[in-house]
Amino acid sequence: MKVVLQRVSQASVKIEQKTVAQISAGVLLLVGFGQGDTSEAVDYLAQKIVKTRIFADDNGKTNLAIKDLQGQVLSVSQFTLYANTKKGNRPSFTEALEPKAAQKLYELFNQRLAQAGLSVQTGVFGADMQVELINDGPLTIIYER
């Protein structure tokens, strides 16, 4: 499982020019699943993201987690995180988990975030989406499990 977290001041997902999800301050998560990923990986990374301290406290120190701020999450499935570019010029996606199993894990991941008290918006699994964001910082963290 791979997650790219970007702290954002706003983010949205559009499909065919229609906004399907939108958040203000919080995090945009690009989420991908690979062969062999399990619900244990989902649980681990969901808790890691919930507890990661990347927001400023009253003293300007990055001591607060998104759960402390009751921040918003925009979660977008992205199998292309598993692109293998070692050989040739066309990425291979054979390391990505097959769609049906990946969708189940993606839904579980979003449920875990919501169960932790976060407001979670999502893109549409498997859809061609346009993701817009204003990266705050910029702050980008890559998680792998």
C-alpha atoms as a PDB file:
ATOM      1  CA  MET A   1       0.000   0.000   0.000  1.00  0.00           C
ATOM      2  CA  LYS A   2       1.232   3.450  -0.905  1.00  0.00           C
ATOM      3  CA  VAL A   3      -0.216   6.797   0.105  1.00  0.00           C
ATOM      4  CA  VAL A   4       0.955  10.218  -1.013  1.00  0.00           C
ATOM      5  CA  LEU A   5      -0.208  12.800   1.518  1.00  0.00           C
ATOM      6  CA  GLN A   6      -0.286  16.480   0.608  1.00  0.00           C
ATOM      7  CA  ARG A   7      -1.258  19.127   3.145  1.00  0.00           C
ATOM      8  CA  VAL A   8      -3.675  21.416   1.333  1.00  0.00           C
ATOM      9  CA  SER A   9      -5.532  24.650   1.868  1.00  0.00           C
ATOM     10  CA  GLN A  10      -8.147  23.278  -0.549  1.00  0.00           C
ATOM     11  CA  ALA A  11      -8.638  20.385  -2.944  1.00  0.00           C
ATOM     12  CA  SER A  12     -11.327  19.005  -5.205  1.00  0.00           C
ATOM     13  CA  VAL A  13     -12.142  16.201  -7.614  1.00  0.00           C
ATOM     14  CA  LYS A  14     -14.084  16.692 -10.826  1.00  0.00           C
ATOM     15  CA  ILE A  15     -15.473  14.120 -13.205  1.00  0.00           C
ATOM     16  CA  GLU A  16     -16.673  15.368 -16.582  1.00  0.00           C
ATOM     17  CA  GLN A  17     -16.522  18.990 -15.369  1.00  0.00           C
ATOM     18  CA  LYS A  18     -18.712  18.213 -12.315  1.00  0.00           C
ATOM     19  CA  THR A  19     -17.285  18.562  -8.800  1.00  0.00           C
ATOM     20  CA  VAL A  20     -17.839  15.289  -6.927  1.00  0.00           C
ATOM     21  CA  ALA A  21     -15.753  16.055  -3.801  1.00  0.00           C
ATOM     22  CA  GLN A  22     -14.250  19.172  -2.278  1.00  0.00           C
ATOM     23  CA  ILE A  23     -12.442  20.082   0.954  1.00  0.00           C
ATOM     24  CA  SER A  24     -10.943  23.152   2.524  1.00  0.00           C
ATOM     25  CA  ALA A  25      -7.907  22.900   4.842  1.00  0.00           C
ATOM     26  CA  GLY A  26      -6.750  19.342   5.408  1.00  0.00           C
ATOM     27  CA  VAL A  27      -5.003  16.626   3.432  1.00  0.00           C
ATOM     28  CA  LEU A  28      -5.265  15.170  -0.035  1.00  0.00           C
ATOM     29  CA  LEU A  29      -4.438  11.461  -0.066  1.00  0.00           C
ATOM     30  CA  LEU A  30      -3.507   9.617  -3.252  1.00  0.00           C
ATOM     31  CA  VAL A  31      -4.001   5.952  -2.366  1.00  0.00           C
ATOM     32  CA  GLY A  32      -2.752   2.871  -4.202  1.00  0.00           C
ATOM     33  CA  PHE A  33      -2.693  -0.849  -3.463  1.00  0.00           C
ATOM     34  CA  GLY A  34      -0.198  -3.457  -4.600  1.00  0.00           C
ATOM     35  CA  GLN A  35      -0.043  -7.219  -4.793  1.00  0.00           C
ATOM     36  CA  GLY A  36      -0.213  -8.748  -1.326  1.00  0.00           C
ATOM     37  CA  ASP A  37      -1.716  -5.724   0.447  1.00  0.00           C
ATOM     38  CA  THR A  38      -4.014  -6.583   3.338  1.00  0.00           C
ATOM     39  CA  SER A  39      -6.401  -4.992   5.813  1.00  0.00           C
ATOM     40  CA  GLU A  40      -3.499  -4.896   8.293  1.00  0.00           C
ATOM     41  CA  ALA A  41      -1.656  -2.484   5.989  1.00  0.00           C
ATOM     42  CA  VAL A  42      -4.828  -0.392   5.731  1.00  0.00           C
ATOM     43  CA  ASP A  43      -5.205  -0.224   9.511  1.00  0.00           C
ATOM     44  CA  TYR A  44      -1.548   0.650  10.026  1.00  0.00           C
ATOM     45  CA  LEU A  45      -1.416   3.461   7.466  1.00  0.00           C
ATOM     46  CA  ALA A  46      -4.792   4.890   8.425  1.00  0.00           C
ATOM     47  CA  GLN A  47      -3.645   5.229  12.036  1.00  0.00           C
ATOM     48  CA  LYS A  48      -0.253   6.582  10.972  1.00  0.00           C
ATOM     49  CA  ILE A  49      -1.923   9.292   8.869  1.00  0.00           C
ATOM     50  CA  VAL A  50      -4.467  10.153  11.577  1.00  0.00           C
ATOM     51  CA  LYS A  51      -1.625  10.676  14.090  1.00  0.00           C
ATOM     52  CA  THR A  52       0.996  12.348  11.875  1.00  0.00           C
ATOM     53  CA  ARG A  53       1.738  15.823  13.248  1.00  0.00           C
ATOM     54  CA  ILE A  54       1.967  18.157  10.249  1.00  0.00           C
ATOM     55  CA  PHE A  55      -0.155  21.141  11.293  1.00  0.00           C
ATOM     56  CA  ALA A  56       1.016  24.187  13.215  1.00  0.00           C
ATOM     57  CA  ASP A  57       0.061  24.748  16.841  1.00  0.00           C
ATOM     58  CA  ASP A  58      -0.433  28.175  18.433  1.00  0.00           C
ATOM     59  CA  ASN A  59       3.363  28.605  18.560  1.00  0.00           C
ATOM     60  CA  GLY A  60       3.851  27.835  14.863  1.00  0.00           C
ATOM     61  CA  LYS A  61       5.380  24.380  15.531  1.00  0.00           C
ATOM     62  CA  THR A  62       4.146  21.370  13.560  1.00  0.00           C
ATOM     63  CA  ASN A  63       2.762  19.606  16.622  1.00  0.00           C
ATOM     64  CA  LEU A  64      -0.837  18.968  15.603  1.00  0.00           C
ATOM     65  CA  ALA A  65      -2.311  16.022  13.741  1.00  0.00           C
ATOM     66  CA  ILE A  66      -5.288  16.299  11.430  1.00  0.00           C
ATOM     67  CA  LYS A  67      -7.427  14.638  14.104  1.00  0.00           C
ATOM     68  CA  ASP A  68      -6.501  17.464  16.520  1.00  0.00           C
ATOM     69  CA  LEU A  69      -7.892  20.022  14.083  1.00  0.00           C
ATOM     70  CA  GLN A  70     -10.841  17.937  12.968  1.00  0.00           C
ATOM     71  CA  GLY A  71      -9.428  18.572   9.506  1.00  0.00           C
ATOM     72  CA  GLN A  72     -10.789  17.303   6.241  1.00  0.00           C
ATOM     73  CA  VAL A  73      -9.538  14.492   4.048  1.00  0.00           C
ATOM     74  CA  LEU A  74      -9.903  14.071   0.298  1.00  0.00           C
ATOM     75  CA  SER A  75      -9.002  10.485  -0.576  1.00  0.00           C
ATOM     76  CA  VAL A  76      -8.390   9.576  -4.221  1.00  0.00           C
ATOM     77  CA  SER A  77      -7.632   6.063  -5.476  1.00  0.00           C
ATOM     78  CA  GLN A  78      -4.588   5.981  -7.727  1.00  0.00           C
ATOM     79  CA  PHE A  79      -3.276   2.626  -8.953  1.00  0.00           C
ATOM     80  CA  THR A  80      -0.554   4.445 -10.913  1.00  0.00           C
ATOM     81  CA  LEU A  81       1.412   4.744  -7.658  1.00  0.00           C
ATOM     82  CA  TYR A  82       2.460   1.185  -8.514  1.00  0.00           C
ATOM     83  CA  ALA A  83       3.933   2.095 -11.900  1.00  0.00           C
ATOM     84  CA  ASN A  84       7.139   0.217 -12.633  1.00  0.00           C
ATOM     85  CA  THR A  85       9.383   2.384 -14.816  1.00  0.00           C
ATOM     86  CA  LYS A  86      12.617   0.375 -14.593  1.00  0.00           C
ATOM     87  CA  LYS A  87      12.372  -1.042 -18.100  1.00  0.00           C
ATOM     88  CA  GLY A  88      11.423   0.723 -21.322  1.00  0.00           C
ATOM     89  CA  ASN A  89       9.399   3.903 -21.715  1.00  0.00           C
ATOM     90  CA  ARG A  90       5.899   2.618 -20.980  1.00  0.00           C
ATOM     91  CA  PRO A  91       5.113   2.128 -17.280  1.00  0.00           C
ATOM     92  CA  SER A  92       3.993  -1.328 -16.224  1.00  0.00           C
ATOM     93  CA  PHE A  93       1.204  -1.628 -13.670  1.00  0.00           C
ATOM     94  CA  THR A  94       1.439  -5.366 -13.020  1.00  0.00           C
ATOM     95  CA  GLU A  95       2.425  -4.681  -9.384  1.00  0.00           C
ATOM     96  CA  ALA A  96      -0.927  -2.947  -8.731  1.00  0.00           C
ATOM     97  CA  LEU A  97      -3.630  -4.957  -6.997  1.00  0.00           C
ATOM     98  CA  GLU A  98      -6.518  -6.058  -9.191  1.00  0.00           C
ATOM     99  CA  PRO A  99      -9.389  -3.527  -9.132  1.00  0.00           C
ATOM    100  CA  LYS A 100     -12.027  -5.486  -7.190  1.00  0.00           C
ATOM    101  CA  ALA A 101      -9.694  -6.243  -4.277  1.00  0.00           C
ATOM    102  CA  ALA A 102      -8.192  -2.745  -4.400  1.00  0.00           C
ATOM    103  CA  GLN A 103     -11.633  -1.149  -4.204  1.00  0.00           C
ATOM    104  CA  LYS A 104     -12.468  -3.159  -1.079  1.00  0.00           C
ATOM    105  CA  LEU A 105      -9.243  -2.048   0.613  1.00  0.00           C
ATOM    106  CA  TYR A 106      -9.767   1.550  -0.510  1.00  0.00           C
ATOM    107  CA  GLU A 107     -13.254   1.607   0.994  1.00  0.00           C
ATOM    108  CA  LEU A 108     -11.925   0.042   4.206  1.00  0.00           C
ATOM    109  CA  PHE A 109      -9.151   2.670   4.374  1.00  0.00           C
ATOM    110  CA  ASN A 110     -11.676   5.502   4.072  1.00  0.00           C
ATOM    111  CA  GLN A 111     -13.892   3.855   6.708  1.00  0.00           C
ATOM    112  CA  ARG A 112     -10.928   3.660   9.101  1.00  0.00           C
ATOM    113  CA  LEU A 113     -10.217   7.366   8.630  1.00  0.00           C
ATOM    114  CA  ALA A 114     -13.874   8.224   9.244  1.00  0.00           C
ATOM    115  CA  GLN A 115     -13.991   5.957  12.315  1.00  0.00           C
ATOM    116  CA  ALA A 116     -11.049   7.957  13.698  1.00  0.00           C
ATOM    117  CA  GLY A 117     -13.266  11.033  13.572  1.00  0.00           C
ATOM    118  CA  LEU A 118     -12.117  12.594  10.313  1.00  0.00           C
ATOM    119  CA  SER A 119     -14.387  14.128   7.691  1.00  0.00           C
ATOM    120  CA  VAL A 120     -13.601  12.095   4.559  1.00  0.00           C
ATOM    121  CA  GLN A 121     -14.520  12.991   0.974  1.00  0.00           C
ATOM    122  CA  THR A 122     -13.561  10.637  -1.855  1.00  0.00           C
ATOM    123  CA  GLY A 123     -13.092  10.531  -5.555  1.00  0.00           C
ATOM    124  CA  VAL A 124     -14.798   7.787  -7.555  1.00  0.00           C
ATOM    125  CA  PHE A 125     -12.853   4.529  -7.665  1.00  0.00           C
ATOM    126  CA  GLY A 126     -11.678   3.711 -11.181  1.00  0.00           C
ATOM    127  CA  ALA A 127     -13.000   6.936 -12.719  1.00  0.00           C
ATOM    128  CA  ASP A 128     -11.073   9.390 -14.885  1.00  0.00           C
ATOM    129  CA  MET A 129     -10.795  12.288 -12.429  1.00  0.00           C
ATOM    130  CA  GLN A 130      -9.343  15.780 -12.483  1.00  0.00           C
ATOM    131  CA  VAL A 131      -7.791  16.579  -9.109  1.00  0.00           C
ATOM    132  CA  GLU A 132      -7.141  20.194  -8.181  1.00  0.00           C
ATOM    133  CA  LEU A 133      -5.269  21.261  -5.078  1.00  0.00           C
ATOM    134  CA  ILE A 134      -3.412  24.069  -3.421  1.00  0.00           C
ATOM    135  CA  ASN A 135      -0.508  22.434  -1.618  1.00  0.00           C
ATOM    136  CA  ASP A 136       0.079  24.139   1.735  1.00  0.00           C
ATOM    137  CA  GLY A 137       3.783  24.443   2.511  1.00  0.00           C
ATOM    138  CA  PRO A 138       4.358  22.636   0.226  1.00  0.00           C
ATOM    139  CA  LEU A 139       4.210  19.575   2.440  1.00  0.00           C
ATOM    140  CA  THR A 140       4.157  16.140   0.825  1.00  0.00           C
ATOM    141  CA  ILE A 141       4.813  12.822   2.564  1.00  0.00           C
ATOM    142  CA  ILE A 142       4.971   9.356   0.991  1.00  0.00           C
ATOM    143  CA  TYR A 143       3.840   6.374   3.063  1.00  0.00           C
ATOM    144  CA  GLU A 144       4.460   2.719   2.158  1.00  0.00           C
ATOM    145  CA  ARG A 145       3.511  -0.451   3.899  1.00  0.00           C
END
